[in-house]
Amino acid sequence: MHGRPRKPLKEEDESVLSAKAEKLRLLQSQFLANHQNRIYSKEALDLSAKLLENNPECYTAWNYRKLAVQHNLSQSDSDSVASLFDQELKLVENALRKNFKSYGAWHHRKWVLSKGHSSIDHEMRLLNGFQKADPRNFHAWNYRRFVTDLMKRSDEDELKYTEEVIGENFSNYSAWHNRSAILSNLLKRKAEGFSHKEKVLQEEYEHVRNAIFTDPDDQSGWFYHLWLIDQTVKNDAPLLVSSWPSRGSTITLNGHGNNRLHGLSLLNSTLSGTTTLPIILYFNQAVEGINSSTVAVKSEILKEDLVWKPLSVNNSSTAQVWVVYLKLGNMELQLSKTYSIEITIGYSAGIVSSNGYHYGYPSQIAFELCVQTAHTEPVEGQYPKLTSWKDSDFQKVDHFEESNFVASTDHHIPTTSNWCREAIDEEITNYQDLLSDCKIGKLTLARLLTALDLLSPEHDKRKKHTEEILKLYTELMKLDPTHSLYYKDEHSLVLLQQITSSEESLLPHCHYYKDATETNTSYVCLRLQNLLLSRMGSIKNLLWVQMLDLSHNELRSIEGLEAMQLLSCLNLSHNKLGSFTALGPLRSLKSLKVLNISHNELGSHSIDTRRYLCSSPLAHTEVFAWDRFEILCGSYSATKFWEAFLIFESLNLTDLNITGNAVADENFTSFIVKVLPTLKYLNDEEL
């Protein structure tokens, strides 16, 4: 552990351990019998205590103790309640002396104290003893925050304590982390002496500089420095950073789907054959409270209240992206008429970020909806054409129709203070000699340069440090292969930001797609293939995209694509997607018709079936249509198809390619055809 080589056990040590393990198995067997039969006698409790003192990591035993306490409380008088909880505290203390890093023990102690029947006077003395034995133990620091909150101990006093601990030893990551947690709270509530964020951060930069220059090879101070960079750059309050439709745009509805385009507009869009129009709000952080009270949508075509939905893959009520769908089929739209739609955001209180900050920059978005031709249902037997992703079917876009890329993606964002840019510049100067000598130094330099670009004036979209940042992450992949996946992700985010930040950089990736059977019909595809992307980013700049090619990359996840509500054609072939769970964001893409996931790693890895069987929140359970699944699955191996069913059963795909995956055998393709009744093409063959 921590780079220390393991020594082989001697023969006599092995025999001792074997006898100890046998004794523990017998003890555990007796305990489980008591647990199963709900026996909470003194003898049974003594047995569970003995088990936990020998093996504090037995979570089942800690849960049994909770059940036993609740059972015995119902049979105890008021005088014996405190004694009951004191016994639990003594047991936890004994278990912690056996294993100071036992999650179950620390959690049980929190549970006991939260019941309010025990004194907390002893807790700080106990903690001080444990923290002297191991000052870096994050369990103790986490518990300390819990106890100080119960004691109403001031954040200012705790901040002084962390300073004392750090002064004794700079190499204490847990103490630095605790300091960041306390400072975040002090800054949030603008406590006395902490109302000016810039002044506080300046002092912290100076404080951590002493630690870094004392021991540049220790990473604790460097990580705190990275936290300070983040605090310098970010806006605490939530901001609307993008939307679709964008301010001032015109959306044209073409019912027949024969839109002929001669140039590309990032501001205006033409939608073909659609019965719903999504309105997308993209914030800089996750928020809640998006509803008809906080976001008003006004237009003569609206006859009923709209329901906003968070686009979150984990079914959370808090999300960075929110959407509402205008049901065009229910509206009386006249041909060749233009309708105005106006959206006002944040004029009423209620939009709050996950960390408690309120939306403070009310904004307005107005766009026009033009009905060009009436929507017509497809003729029975007339299928959409097979989609090809060959290079020969694409032609580069020469120019954009208008020059308002900024208007299409950016909203009102408060001006960054000069201090922020000066602070980042100063940090680069201060660490010039250290930043390129070690991997954490290179990472810090990459973060500083990224921050500097982010803080640059809005009109400067060239991101002049991008090439240097990309070079640093490339060097880090070679220098520190253990964390190469992280560096690849960061490299991908920077590259995507560069590509999508201006018309000039985006244009080479925009292509017309031509249907070979109808040469007069074309629409635009954004081609981001062969870029070694391992992660998606800058989605806020891509909300307008309807056709996307991400083939021949290294994607293991497509997190973020759920925001691209206009997406109808998606190519994910030749990536490293290892499970259908990685395709979770597709479930939110109601317009998706064409999907190519060929030549990935689907079926090459084991499936965690517990997420569908367990009712525990820890299992990340999903709403699962068991009856339909069992009918479709038939005699096939159920475990092989669960994840695929969860992803595909809500989609309306017409064209799917899954060749080149371990999962794609005859049984699986037969199952997919049943799950997707709308499917017309499978693996480039007409059904």
Foldseek 3Di string as FASTA:
>chain_A
DVPDDDDDDDPVVVVVVVVVVVVLVVLVVVLVVCLVVVPLDPVSLVSLLVSCLVPVQPLVSLVSLVVSLVVVVVVDDPVCNLVSLVVLVVSLLSNCVVPVQHPNSLVSNLVSVVVVSYDLPCVVVSLVVVCVVPVQRLSSVVSVVVSCVVVVPDLVVLLVVLVVVCVVPVQRLSSLVSNLVSLVVCCVVVPVVNVDPLVVLVVVVVVLVVSCVVPVVRCSSLVSVLVSLVVLQDDPAKDFFAKPLFAAEEEEEAQAQFDFDQAAALNYYYDYNDQKDKIKTAIPAKKAQDACVFKPKDWPFDDDGWGKDALDLLRDRIHRMIMTIDRNVVTDDDAQDKIKMKMKGGPDWGIAGPVGHTHDDIDMGMYMYHYHDDHDDDDPPDDDDADDPDPVQKAAGDHHPDADLVRNQGDDDDQRDPSSLVVLVVVCVVCVPPLVPDLSSLVSVLSSLVSNLSNDDLVPQQSVCLVVSLVSLVVSCVVPVVCNLVSLQVSLQSVVSNQLSHPVSQRRQKIWGADPVDRSGIDIEREPEPPQHQEDYPVSSVLNHQHYEHAHHAHQAHPPCLSNQNHAAYEHDHYAPQELVSVSSLLNRANHAHYEHAQYAYPVDADDCQLDVDPDVVSSHDDAPVVVLCVLLPPHDSRLCRSVLVNQLNYAYQYYEHHNYPSPDPSNVSSSCVSHVNYQYYNNHGD
